[in-house]
Amino acid sequence: MALMITDECINCDVCEPECPNHAISQGEEIYQINPDLCTQCVGHYDEPQCQQVCPVDCIPLDPARPETPDELMQKYQRISSKA
């Protein structure tokens, strides 16, 4: 699954630079995650880096975007081939 940022976000700016796929950006009110770019750090790290640094624990899995580990790896390969 892609990750999402909830409205508990305090705009602390620590998640955005941690995302290796550049999936996190500043939204109108809080940070947001582009689900088309989020691989939960599959292909880069063992755990999602944004979740590791978030001080308020506001980055859960997005239940609207179920993805298997294989699908996340395929997305990573697609994204990295465009880089």
Protein backbone atom coordinates (compact mmCIF):
# COMPACT_ATOMS: atom_id res chain seq x y z
CA MET A 1 0.00 0.00 0.00
CA ALA A 2 1.05 3.53 -0.51
CA LEU A 3 1.35 5.65 2.59
CA MET A 4 -0.71 8.71 3.41
CA ILE A 5 -0.31 11.70 5.69
CA THR A 6 -3.21 12.42 8.02
CA ASP A 7 -4.45 15.80 9.21
CA GLU A 8 -2.44 15.28 12.41
CA CYS A 9 0.58 16.47 10.41
CA ILE A 10 2.31 19.42 12.11
CA ASN A 11 4.30 20.50 9.01
CA CYS A 12 7.60 19.83 10.72
CA ASP A 13 9.35 19.34 7.36
CA VAL A 14 11.27 16.19 8.34
CA CYS A 15 9.53 13.66 6.06
CA GLU A 16 9.96 15.32 2.68
CA PRO A 17 13.77 15.10 2.42
CA GLU A 18 13.71 11.47 3.61
CA CYS A 19 11.62 10.20 0.67
CA PRO A 20 13.90 8.59 -1.93
CA ASN A 21 11.16 8.70 -4.58
CA HIS A 22 10.24 12.37 -4.05
CA ALA A 23 6.66 11.30 -3.33
CA ILE A 24 6.19 13.78 -0.47
CA SER A 25 5.44 17.43 -1.09
CA GLN A 26 3.91 20.38 0.72
CA GLY A 27 0.17 20.50 0.14
CA GLU A 28 -2.18 23.39 0.73
CA GLU A 29 -2.33 22.82 4.48
CA ILE A 30 -0.17 19.77 5.26
CA TYR A 31 2.32 17.54 3.53
CA GLN A 32 0.94 14.99 1.11
CA ILE A 33 2.15 11.77 -0.51
CA ASN A 34 1.76 11.04 -4.21
CA PRO A 35 0.58 7.40 -4.16
CA ASP A 36 1.89 6.87 -7.69
CA LEU A 37 5.43 7.50 -6.42
CA CYS A 38 5.23 5.93 -2.95
CA THR A 39 6.78 2.47 -2.69
CA GLN A 40 7.05 2.45 1.13
CA CYS A 41 10.79 2.74 0.40
CA VAL A 42 10.82 -0.72 -1.23
CA GLY A 43 13.96 -0.85 -3.35
CA HIS A 44 15.71 1.69 -1.15
CA TYR A 45 15.28 0.79 2.53
CA ASP A 46 13.80 -1.95 4.71
CA GLU A 47 11.30 0.44 6.30
CA PRO A 48 9.52 3.61 5.17
CA GLN A 49 11.85 6.44 6.11
CA CYS A 50 9.10 9.03 6.50
CA GLN A 51 7.43 6.89 9.18
CA GLN A 52 10.77 6.55 10.99
CA VAL A 53 11.28 10.32 11.31
CA CYS A 54 7.69 11.49 11.84
CA PRO A 55 7.39 12.88 15.39
CA VAL A 56 3.59 12.61 15.53
CA ASP A 57 3.09 9.21 13.86
CA CYS A 58 0.73 10.57 11.20
CA ILE A 59 1.86 8.46 8.21
CA PRO A 60 -0.19 5.24 8.08
CA LEU A 61 -0.84 2.89 5.19
CA ASP A 62 -3.46 4.20 2.78
CA PRO A 63 -6.30 1.63 2.86
CA ALA A 64 -7.55 2.96 -0.48
CA ARG A 65 -4.29 1.89 -2.18
CA PRO A 66 -3.65 -1.80 -1.41
CA GLU A 67 -0.42 -3.06 -2.98
CA THR A 68 1.58 -6.24 -2.47
CA PRO A 69 5.34 -6.20 -1.92
CA ASP A 70 5.76 -7.42 -5.52
CA GLU A 71 3.62 -4.56 -6.82
CA LEU A 72 5.65 -2.07 -4.77
CA MET A 73 8.88 -3.49 -6.24
CA GLN A 74 7.45 -3.20 -9.76
CA LYS A 75 6.51 0.42 -9.04
CA TYR A 76 10.04 1.08 -7.73
CA GLN A 77 11.55 -0.42 -10.88
CA ARG A 78 9.25 1.68 -13.08
CA ILE A 79 10.10 4.87 -11.17
CA SER A 80 13.83 4.22 -11.08
CA SER A 81 13.98 3.47 -14.80
CA LYS A 82 12.66 6.99 -15.49
CA ALA A 83 15.27 8.66 -13.30
